[in-house]
Amino acid sequence: MNEHELQEHQRFLKRAIELAAENMQTGKGGPFGAVVVKDGKILAEGFNQVTSANDPTRHAEVDAIRKACQKLNAFELKDCVIYSSCEPCPMCLGAIYWARPKALYFAADRFCAAKHGFDDKFIYDEITQPADKRSIPTVHIVLDGAEEPFEIWSSRTDKIEY
């Protein structure tokens, strides 16, 4: 990465950090901010609103992804870059992978977040557990017809794959 590229990445990361800090002044949620950038311009911004929206999915990255997809009228962000004030949690990381941006950059890491009470390690550990070993009872029930929606999906010729 050359000096110019580094400065561009730092500029967008600073904006994500600004959003996180501004959010702390409003009291709408946790200390997290994110921006989606396309062609060197901010397309969408997001900040954590978990507690104000009573929605555990209102994380900064998810908020920014939703806004960017609406602006682009698309379900992918393949020509975009996501900048986050902090290393994304497992939920946000999943959303980022589904959105398929060309890159992700973050400032603070998960260990910094854990130091301040946001410990995602538990969820990272839970994901790797077999379903029957997770702390939230997770039960697979075999049921006739469960595969039918997938068979319909597979047979469609007009589907939009994602």
N, C-alpha and C. Protein backbone atom coordinates (compact mmCIF):
# COMPACT_ATOMS: atom_id res chain seq x y z
N MET A 1 0.86 -1.18 0.00
CA MET A 1 0.00 0.00 0.00
C MET A 1 0.91 1.24 0.00
N ASN A 2 0.67 2.12 -0.94
CA ASN A 2 1.50 3.33 -0.99
C ASN A 2 0.96 4.40 -0.03
N GLU A 3 1.68 5.47 0.12
CA GLU A 3 1.33 6.52 1.08
C GLU A 3 -0.02 7.16 0.76
N HIS A 4 -0.30 7.40 -0.51
CA HIS A 4 -1.58 8.00 -0.91
C HIS A 4 -2.75 7.08 -0.54
N GLU A 5 -2.60 5.79 -0.83
CA GLU A 5 -3.66 4.82 -0.50
C GLU A 5 -3.87 4.77 1.01
N LEU A 6 -2.79 4.75 1.77
CA LEU A 6 -2.89 4.72 3.22
C LEU A 6 -3.64 5.94 3.74
N GLN A 7 -3.33 7.10 3.20
CA GLN A 7 -4.00 8.33 3.62
C GLN A 7 -5.49 8.29 3.31
N GLU A 8 -5.87 7.73 2.17
CA GLU A 8 -7.29 7.60 1.81
C GLU A 8 -8.01 6.67 2.80
N HIS A 9 -7.40 5.54 3.09
CA HIS A 9 -7.99 4.60 4.04
C HIS A 9 -8.11 5.24 5.42
N GLN A 10 -7.10 5.96 5.83
CA GLN A 10 -7.13 6.64 7.13
C GLN A 10 -8.24 7.68 7.17
N ARG A 11 -8.43 8.39 6.08
CA ARG A 11 -9.47 9.42 6.02
C ARG A 11 -10.86 8.81 6.26
N PHE A 12 -11.14 7.70 5.60
CA PHE A 12 -12.45 7.07 5.77
C PHE A 12 -12.59 6.40 7.14
N LEU A 13 -11.50 5.84 7.64
CA LEU A 13 -11.56 5.28 8.99
C LEU A 13 -11.79 6.37 10.03
N LYS A 14 -11.18 7.53 9.83
CA LYS A 14 -11.41 8.64 10.76
C LYS A 14 -12.88 9.05 10.74
N ARG A 15 -13.51 9.02 9.59
CA ARG A 15 -14.94 9.36 9.52
C ARG A 15 -15.76 8.32 10.28
N ALA A 16 -15.41 7.05 10.16
CA ALA A 16 -16.12 6.01 10.91
C ALA A 16 -15.95 6.23 12.42
N ILE A 17 -14.75 6.62 12.83
CA ILE A 17 -14.50 6.90 14.25
C ILE A 17 -15.29 8.13 14.69
N GLU A 18 -15.35 9.15 13.84
CA GLU A 18 -16.15 10.34 14.15
C GLU A 18 -17.61 9.97 14.36
N LEU A 19 -18.15 9.12 13.50
CA LEU A 19 -19.55 8.68 13.65
C LEU A 19 -19.75 7.97 14.99
N ALA A 20 -18.79 7.13 15.35
CA ALA A 20 -18.88 6.42 16.64
C ALA A 20 -18.86 7.40 17.80
N ALA A 21 -17.96 8.38 17.74
CA ALA A 21 -17.86 9.38 18.81
C ALA A 21 -19.11 10.25 18.87
N GLU A 22 -19.62 10.66 17.71
CA GLU A 22 -20.86 11.46 17.67
C GLU A 22 -22.01 10.67 18.27
N ASN A 23 -22.04 9.39 17.98
CA ASN A 23 -23.10 8.53 18.52
C ASN A 23 -23.04 8.47 20.04
N MET A 24 -21.83 8.54 20.58
CA MET A 24 -21.70 8.53 22.04
C MET A 24 -22.30 9.80 22.65
N GLN A 25 -22.29 10.88 21.91
CA GLN A 25 -22.90 12.13 22.39
C GLN A 25 -24.42 12.07 22.37
N THR A 26 -24.98 11.28 21.44
CA THR A 26 -26.44 11.19 21.33
C THR A 26 -27.04 10.15 22.26
N GLY A 27 -26.23 9.17 22.66
CA GLY A 27 -26.74 8.11 23.53
C GLY A 27 -27.63 7.11 22.81
N LYS A 28 -27.52 7.02 21.48
CA LYS A 28 -28.40 6.12 20.71
C LYS A 28 -27.93 4.68 20.69
N GLY A 29 -26.69 4.44 21.06
CA GLY A 29 -26.18 3.08 21.02
C GLY A 29 -24.71 3.02 21.37
N GLY A 30 -24.07 1.95 20.96
CA GLY A 30 -22.67 1.72 21.29
C GLY A 30 -21.70 2.55 20.48
N PRO A 31 -20.42 2.46 20.83
CA PRO A 31 -19.37 3.29 20.23
C PRO A 31 -18.83 2.75 18.91
N PHE A 32 -19.72 2.63 17.93
CA PHE A 32 -19.32 2.05 16.65
C PHE A 32 -19.87 2.87 15.49
N GLY A 33 -19.04 3.05 14.46
CA GLY A 33 -19.44 3.75 13.25
C GLY A 33 -18.88 3.04 12.03
N ALA A 34 -19.53 3.22 10.89
CA ALA A 34 -19.07 2.59 9.66
C ALA A 34 -19.46 3.43 8.46
N VAL A 35 -18.65 3.34 7.42
CA VAL A 35 -18.96 4.01 6.16
C VAL A 35 -18.75 3.04 5.01
N VAL A 36 -19.55 3.20 3.98
CA VAL A 36 -19.39 2.45 2.74
C VAL A 36 -18.95 3.45 1.69
N VAL A 37 -17.86 3.13 1.00
CA VAL A 37 -17.26 4.02 0.02
C VAL A 37 -17.28 3.37 -1.36
N LYS A 38 -17.64 4.17 -2.35
CA LYS A 38 -17.59 3.72 -3.74
C LYS A 38 -16.94 4.80 -4.57
N ASP A 39 -15.97 4.42 -5.36
CA ASP A 39 -15.26 5.36 -6.24
C ASP A 39 -14.70 6.54 -5.47
N GLY A 40 -14.19 6.29 -4.26
CA GLY A 40 -13.55 7.33 -3.47
C GLY A 40 -14.49 8.29 -2.78
N LYS A 41 -15.80 8.00 -2.79
CA LYS A 41 -16.79 8.87 -2.15
C LYS A 41 -17.63 8.06 -1.18
N ILE A 42 -18.00 8.70 -0.07
CA ILE A 42 -18.84 8.03 0.91
C ILE A 42 -20.24 7.87 0.33
N LEU A 43 -20.69 6.63 0.26
CA LEU A 43 -22.01 6.29 -0.26
C LEU A 43 -23.03 6.24 0.87
N ALA A 44 -22.60 5.71 2.03
CA ALA A 44 -23.52 5.58 3.17
C ALA A 44 -22.72 5.55 4.47
N GLU A 45 -23.38 6.01 5.52
CA GLU A 45 -22.80 6.00 6.85
C GLU A 45 -23.75 5.29 7.80
N GLY A 46 -23.19 4.68 8.82
CA GLY A 46 -24.01 4.02 9.81
C GLY A 46 -23.39 4.11 11.18
N PHE A 47 -24.23 3.99 12.18
CA PHE A 47 -23.74 3.97 13.56
C PHE A 47 -24.62 3.05 14.37
N ASN A 48 -24.10 2.60 15.49
CA ASN A 48 -24.80 1.64 16.32
C ASN A 48 -26.04 2.27 16.95
N GLN A 49 -27.19 1.57 16.82
CA GLN A 49 -28.45 2.05 17.38
C GLN A 49 -29.19 0.93 18.11
N VAL A 50 -28.45 -0.04 18.63
CA VAL A 50 -29.04 -1.21 19.28
C VAL A 50 -30.01 -0.82 20.39
N THR A 51 -29.57 0.04 21.29
CA THR A 51 -30.40 0.35 22.46
C THR A 51 -31.51 1.34 22.16
N SER A 52 -31.30 2.27 21.25
CA SER A 52 -32.35 3.25 20.96
C SER A 52 -33.43 2.67 20.06
N ALA A 53 -33.07 1.71 19.21
CA ALA A 53 -34.05 1.09 18.31
C ALA A 53 -34.60 -0.22 18.88
N ASN A 54 -34.07 -0.63 20.04
CA ASN A 54 -34.45 -1.94 20.60
C ASN A 54 -34.32 -3.02 19.55
N ASP A 55 -33.18 -3.02 18.87
CA ASP A 55 -32.94 -3.94 17.76
C ASP A 55 -31.49 -4.43 17.85
N PRO A 56 -31.27 -5.69 18.21
CA PRO A 56 -29.91 -6.19 18.35
C PRO A 56 -29.14 -6.26 17.03
N THR A 57 -29.80 -6.05 15.90
CA THR A 57 -29.10 -6.06 14.61
C THR A 57 -28.72 -4.67 14.12
N ARG A 58 -29.02 -3.64 14.86
CA ARG A 58 -28.74 -2.26 14.41
C ARG A 58 -27.31 -1.86 14.72
N HIS A 59 -26.39 -2.66 14.24
CA HIS A 59 -24.97 -2.35 14.36
C HIS A 59 -24.57 -1.39 13.25
N ALA A 60 -23.47 -0.69 13.44
CA ALA A 60 -23.02 0.32 12.49
C ALA A 60 -22.83 -0.24 11.09
N GLU A 61 -22.16 -1.38 10.99
CA GLU A 61 -21.88 -1.94 9.68
C GLU A 61 -23.16 -2.36 8.97
N VAL A 62 -24.06 -3.00 9.68
CA VAL A 62 -25.34 -3.42 9.08
C VAL A 62 -26.13 -2.19 8.65
N ASP A 63 -26.14 -1.16 9.48
CA ASP A 63 -26.84 0.08 9.14
C ASP A 63 -26.27 0.69 7.86
N ALA A 64 -24.96 0.77 7.76
CA ALA A 64 -24.32 1.34 6.57
C ALA A 64 -24.56 0.48 5.34
N ILE A 65 -24.49 -0.84 5.50
CA ILE A 65 -24.73 -1.75 4.37
C ILE A 65 -26.16 -1.58 3.85
N ARG A 66 -27.12 -1.53 4.76
CA ARG A 66 -28.53 -1.38 4.33
C ARG A 66 -28.72 -0.08 3.55
N LYS A 67 -28.17 1.00 4.06
CA LYS A 67 -28.32 2.29 3.39
C LYS A 67 -27.65 2.29 2.02
N ALA A 68 -26.44 1.72 1.95
CA ALA A 68 -25.71 1.69 0.68
C ALA A 68 -26.45 0.85 -0.35
N CYS A 69 -26.96 -0.30 0.07
CA CYS A 69 -27.70 -1.16 -0.86
C CYS A 69 -28.96 -0.47 -1.37
N GLN A 70 -29.63 0.26 -0.48
CA GLN A 70 -30.82 1.01 -0.93
C GLN A 70 -30.43 2.06 -1.96
N LYS A 71 -29.35 2.78 -1.72
CA LYS A 71 -28.92 3.82 -2.67
C LYS A 71 -28.54 3.21 -4.02
N LEU A 72 -27.91 2.06 -3.98
CA LEU A 72 -27.49 1.40 -5.22
C LEU A 72 -28.58 0.56 -5.85
N ASN A 73 -29.67 0.36 -5.10
CA ASN A 73 -30.75 -0.53 -5.54
C ASN A 73 -30.17 -1.91 -5.92
N ALA A 74 -29.34 -2.42 -5.00
CA ALA A 74 -28.65 -3.69 -5.23
C ALA A 74 -28.46 -4.41 -3.90
N PHE A 75 -28.27 -5.72 -3.96
CA PHE A 75 -28.04 -6.48 -2.74
C PHE A 75 -26.57 -6.78 -2.52
N GLU A 76 -25.72 -6.30 -3.41
CA GLU A 76 -24.28 -6.49 -3.27
C GLU A 76 -23.57 -5.15 -3.30
N LEU A 77 -22.42 -5.11 -2.67
CA LEU A 77 -21.59 -3.91 -2.66
C LEU A 77 -20.23 -4.24 -3.28
N LYS A 78 -20.27 -4.96 -4.41
CA LYS A 78 -19.04 -5.52 -4.97
C LYS A 78 -18.00 -4.48 -5.39
N ASP A 79 -18.39 -3.29 -5.70
CA ASP A 79 -17.42 -2.25 -6.08
C ASP A 79 -17.18 -1.26 -4.95
N CYS A 80 -17.53 -1.65 -3.74
CA CYS A 80 -17.45 -0.75 -2.59
C CYS A 80 -16.41 -1.25 -1.57
N VAL A 81 -16.05 -0.35 -0.67
CA VAL A 81 -15.17 -0.66 0.45
C VAL A 81 -15.89 -0.27 1.72
N ILE A 82 -15.80 -1.12 2.72
CA ILE A 82 -16.41 -0.83 4.02
C ILE A 82 -15.31 -0.47 5.01
N TYR A 83 -15.55 0.62 5.73
CA TYR A 83 -14.64 1.08 6.77
C TYR A 83 -15.40 1.07 8.09
N SER A 84 -14.82 0.45 9.09
CA SER A 84 -15.47 0.34 10.39
C SER A 84 -14.56 0.87 11.48
N SER A 85 -15.15 1.54 12.44
CA SER A 85 -14.37 2.08 13.54
C SER A 85 -13.75 0.99 14.39
N CYS A 86 -14.32 -0.22 14.30
CA CYS A 86 -13.83 -1.35 15.09
C CYS A 86 -13.98 -2.64 14.29
N GLU A 87 -13.15 -3.61 14.58
CA GLU A 87 -13.26 -4.92 13.94
C GLU A 87 -14.69 -5.43 14.08
N PRO A 88 -15.33 -5.80 13.00
CA PRO A 88 -16.73 -6.22 13.06
C PRO A 88 -16.96 -7.47 13.90
N CYS A 89 -18.12 -7.48 14.55
CA CYS A 89 -18.55 -8.66 15.31
C CYS A 89 -18.91 -9.77 14.32
N PRO A 90 -19.13 -10.99 14.79
CA PRO A 90 -19.48 -12.08 13.86
C PRO A 90 -20.72 -11.80 13.01
N MET A 91 -21.75 -11.18 13.58
CA MET A 91 -22.95 -10.87 12.79
C MET A 91 -22.61 -9.90 11.66
N CYS A 92 -21.89 -8.85 11.98
CA CYS A 92 -21.54 -7.85 10.98
C CYS A 92 -20.58 -8.42 9.94
N LEU A 93 -19.66 -9.25 10.40
CA LEU A 93 -18.74 -9.87 9.47
C LEU A 93 -19.51 -10.75 8.47
N GLY A 94 -20.51 -11.47 8.96
CA GLY A 94 -21.36 -12.25 8.07
C GLY A 94 -22.08 -11.36 7.07
N ALA A 95 -22.64 -10.25 7.54
CA ALA A 95 -23.34 -9.32 6.64
C ALA A 95 -22.38 -8.74 5.61
N ILE A 96 -21.16 -8.46 6.04
CA ILE A 96 -20.16 -7.91 5.12
C ILE A 96 -19.83 -8.94 4.03
N TYR A 97 -19.65 -10.18 4.43
CA TYR A 97 -19.37 -11.21 3.43
C TYR A 97 -20.53 -11.39 2.46
N TRP A 98 -21.77 -11.34 2.97
CA TRP A 98 -22.93 -11.45 2.08
C TRP A 98 -23.01 -10.25 1.13
N ALA A 99 -22.59 -9.08 1.59
CA ALA A 99 -22.63 -7.88 0.74
C ALA A 99 -21.53 -7.88 -0.32
N ARG A 100 -20.49 -8.65 -0.11
CA ARG A 100 -19.40 -8.83 -1.07
C ARG A 100 -18.69 -7.54 -1.48
N PRO A 101 -18.27 -6.73 -0.53
CA PRO A 101 -17.46 -5.57 -0.91
C PRO A 101 -16.09 -6.02 -1.38
N LYS A 102 -15.36 -5.10 -1.99
CA LYS A 102 -14.03 -5.50 -2.45
C LYS A 102 -13.00 -5.47 -1.33
N ALA A 103 -13.32 -4.79 -0.21
CA ALA A 103 -12.38 -4.77 0.92
C ALA A 103 -13.09 -4.27 2.18
N LEU A 104 -12.48 -4.59 3.30
CA LEU A 104 -12.93 -4.13 4.62
C LEU A 104 -11.70 -3.61 5.35
N TYR A 105 -11.82 -2.44 5.94
CA TYR A 105 -10.76 -1.87 6.77
C TYR A 105 -11.38 -1.50 8.12
N PHE A 106 -10.64 -1.73 9.20
CA PHE A 106 -11.14 -1.34 10.52
C PHE A 106 -10.02 -0.71 11.34
N ALA A 107 -10.42 0.07 12.34
CA ALA A 107 -9.46 0.79 13.18
C ALA A 107 -9.18 -0.02 14.46
N ALA A 108 -10.00 0.12 15.48
CA ALA A 108 -9.80 -0.63 16.72
C ALA A 108 -10.05 -2.11 16.45
N ASP A 109 -9.39 -2.97 17.22
CA ASP A 109 -9.62 -4.41 17.02
C ASP A 109 -10.54 -4.98 18.10
N ARG A 110 -10.86 -6.25 17.98
CA ARG A 110 -11.79 -6.90 18.91
C ARG A 110 -11.25 -6.92 20.33
N PHE A 111 -9.94 -6.88 20.49
CA PHE A 111 -9.36 -6.91 21.83
C PHE A 111 -9.53 -5.56 22.52
N CYS A 112 -9.46 -4.49 21.76
CA CYS A 112 -9.76 -3.16 22.29
C CYS A 112 -11.22 -3.11 22.73
N ALA A 113 -12.11 -3.61 21.88
CA ALA A 113 -13.54 -3.61 22.21
C ALA A 113 -13.79 -4.44 23.47
N ALA A 114 -13.13 -5.57 23.59
CA ALA A 114 -13.31 -6.44 24.77
C ALA A 114 -12.85 -5.73 26.04
N LYS A 115 -11.79 -4.96 25.93
CA LYS A 115 -11.29 -4.21 27.08
C LYS A 115 -12.34 -3.25 27.61
N HIS A 116 -13.25 -2.82 26.73
CA HIS A 116 -14.29 -1.86 27.11
C HIS A 116 -15.67 -2.52 27.24
N GLY A 117 -15.70 -3.84 27.37
CA GLY A 117 -16.94 -4.53 27.67
C GLY A 117 -17.68 -5.13 26.48
N PHE A 118 -17.12 -5.05 25.29
CA PHE A 118 -17.75 -5.62 24.10
C PHE A 118 -16.95 -6.86 23.68
N ASP A 119 -17.21 -7.97 24.33
CA ASP A 119 -16.43 -9.17 24.09
C ASP A 119 -17.16 -10.11 23.14
N ASP A 120 -16.77 -10.08 21.88
CA ASP A 120 -17.38 -10.93 20.86
C ASP A 120 -16.80 -12.34 20.86
N LYS A 121 -15.78 -12.57 21.69
CA LYS A 121 -15.13 -13.88 21.73
C LYS A 121 -16.14 -14.99 21.98
N PHE A 122 -17.10 -14.73 22.85
CA PHE A 122 -18.12 -15.72 23.17
C PHE A 122 -18.84 -16.19 21.90
N ILE A 123 -19.24 -15.23 21.05
CA ILE A 123 -19.97 -15.59 19.83
C ILE A 123 -19.03 -16.27 18.84
N TYR A 124 -17.81 -15.75 18.69
CA TYR A 124 -16.85 -16.41 17.81
C TYR A 124 -16.67 -17.87 18.24
N ASP A 125 -16.57 -18.14 19.54
CA ASP A 125 -16.42 -19.50 20.06
C ASP A 125 -17.68 -20.33 19.82
N GLU A 126 -18.85 -19.73 20.02
CA GLU A 126 -20.11 -20.46 19.84
C GLU A 126 -20.30 -20.95 18.41
N ILE A 127 -19.90 -20.15 17.45
CA ILE A 127 -20.07 -20.49 16.04
C ILE A 127 -19.37 -21.80 15.70
N THR A 128 -18.24 -22.04 16.32
CA THR A 128 -17.46 -23.24 15.99
C THR A 128 -17.96 -24.49 16.72
N GLN A 129 -18.89 -24.32 17.65
CA GLN A 129 -19.41 -25.47 18.39
C GLN A 129 -20.43 -26.24 17.56
N PRO A 130 -20.49 -27.56 17.74
CA PRO A 130 -21.61 -28.29 17.11
C PRO A 130 -22.92 -27.76 17.70
N ALA A 131 -23.98 -27.80 16.93
CA ALA A 131 -25.26 -27.22 17.35
C ALA A 131 -25.69 -27.70 18.73
N ASP A 132 -25.51 -28.97 19.03
CA ASP A 132 -25.97 -29.50 20.32
C ASP A 132 -25.07 -29.14 21.50
N LYS A 133 -23.97 -28.43 21.23
CA LYS A 133 -23.05 -28.02 22.31
C LYS A 133 -23.12 -26.52 22.60
N ARG A 134 -23.96 -25.79 21.88
CA ARG A 134 -24.03 -24.33 22.06
C ARG A 134 -24.77 -23.98 23.34
N SER A 135 -24.50 -22.80 23.87
CA SER A 135 -25.12 -22.39 25.14
C SER A 135 -26.60 -22.08 24.99
N ILE A 136 -27.02 -21.63 23.82
CA ILE A 136 -28.46 -21.48 23.54
C ILE A 136 -28.89 -22.80 22.92
N PRO A 137 -29.86 -23.50 23.53
CA PRO A 137 -30.27 -24.77 22.95
C PRO A 137 -30.60 -24.61 21.46
N THR A 138 -29.91 -25.39 20.65
CA THR A 138 -30.04 -25.33 19.20
C THR A 138 -30.30 -26.76 18.73
N VAL A 139 -31.50 -27.01 18.26
CA VAL A 139 -31.93 -28.38 17.99
C VAL A 139 -32.32 -28.54 16.53
N HIS A 140 -31.74 -29.51 15.87
CA HIS A 140 -32.08 -29.84 14.49
C HIS A 140 -33.18 -30.90 14.53
N ILE A 141 -34.33 -30.58 13.99
CA ILE A 141 -35.44 -31.53 13.91
C ILE A 141 -35.63 -31.92 12.45
N VAL A 142 -35.47 -33.19 12.15
CA VAL A 142 -35.66 -33.69 10.80
C VAL A 142 -37.15 -33.71 10.51
N LEU A 143 -37.54 -33.08 9.41
CA LEU A 143 -38.96 -32.95 9.08
C LEU A 143 -39.16 -33.17 7.59
N ASP A 144 -40.15 -33.99 7.24
CA ASP A 144 -40.48 -34.18 5.83
C ASP A 144 -40.84 -32.83 5.21
N GLY A 145 -40.35 -32.60 4.02
CA GLY A 145 -40.68 -31.37 3.30
C GLY A 145 -39.72 -30.23 3.57
N ALA A 146 -38.77 -30.41 4.48
CA ALA A 146 -37.86 -29.32 4.82
C ALA A 146 -37.00 -28.90 3.63
N GLU A 147 -36.74 -29.83 2.74
CA GLU A 147 -35.88 -29.52 1.59
C GLU A 147 -36.67 -28.94 0.41
N GLU A 148 -37.98 -28.99 0.48
CA GLU A 148 -38.81 -28.55 -0.65
C GLU A 148 -38.50 -27.13 -1.12
N PRO A 149 -38.38 -26.13 -0.24
CA PRO A 149 -38.07 -24.78 -0.74
C PRO A 149 -36.74 -24.73 -1.50
N PHE A 150 -35.77 -25.54 -1.08
CA PHE A 150 -34.48 -25.57 -1.77
C PHE A 150 -34.60 -26.25 -3.14
N GLU A 151 -35.44 -27.28 -3.22
CA GLU A 151 -35.66 -27.95 -4.50
C GLU A 151 -36.33 -27.01 -5.49
N ILE A 152 -37.28 -26.22 -5.00
CA ILE A 152 -37.93 -25.23 -5.86
C ILE A 152 -36.90 -24.21 -6.33
N TRP A 153 -36.09 -23.74 -5.40
CA TRP A 153 -35.03 -22.78 -5.74
C TRP A 153 -34.11 -23.35 -6.82
N SER A 154 -33.67 -24.57 -6.63
CA SER A 154 -32.74 -25.19 -7.57
C SER A 154 -33.34 -25.36 -8.96
N SER A 155 -34.64 -25.57 -9.03
CA SER A 155 -35.28 -25.80 -10.32
C SER A 155 -35.64 -24.51 -11.06
N ARG A 156 -35.62 -23.40 -10.38
CA ARG A 156 -36.00 -22.14 -11.04
C ARG A 156 -34.93 -21.68 -12.00
N THR A 157 -35.35 -21.23 -13.15
CA THR A 157 -34.40 -20.72 -14.13
C THR A 157 -34.33 -19.19 -14.10
N ASP A 158 -35.28 -18.57 -13.39
CA ASP A 158 -35.34 -17.11 -13.35
C ASP A 158 -34.81 -16.54 -12.04
N LYS A 159 -34.14 -17.35 -11.24
CA LYS A 159 -33.68 -16.86 -9.93
C LYS A 159 -32.47 -15.93 -10.07
N ILE A 160 -32.34 -15.07 -9.11
CA ILE A 160 -31.17 -14.21 -9.02
C ILE A 160 -30.29 -14.80 -7.93
N GLU A 161 -29.19 -15.37 -8.34
CA GLU A 161 -28.31 -16.03 -7.36
C GLU A 161 -27.55 -14.99 -6.55
N TYR A 162 -27.31 -15.34 -5.31
CA TYR A 162 -26.55 -14.46 -4.43
C TYR A 162 -25.64 -15.24 -3.54
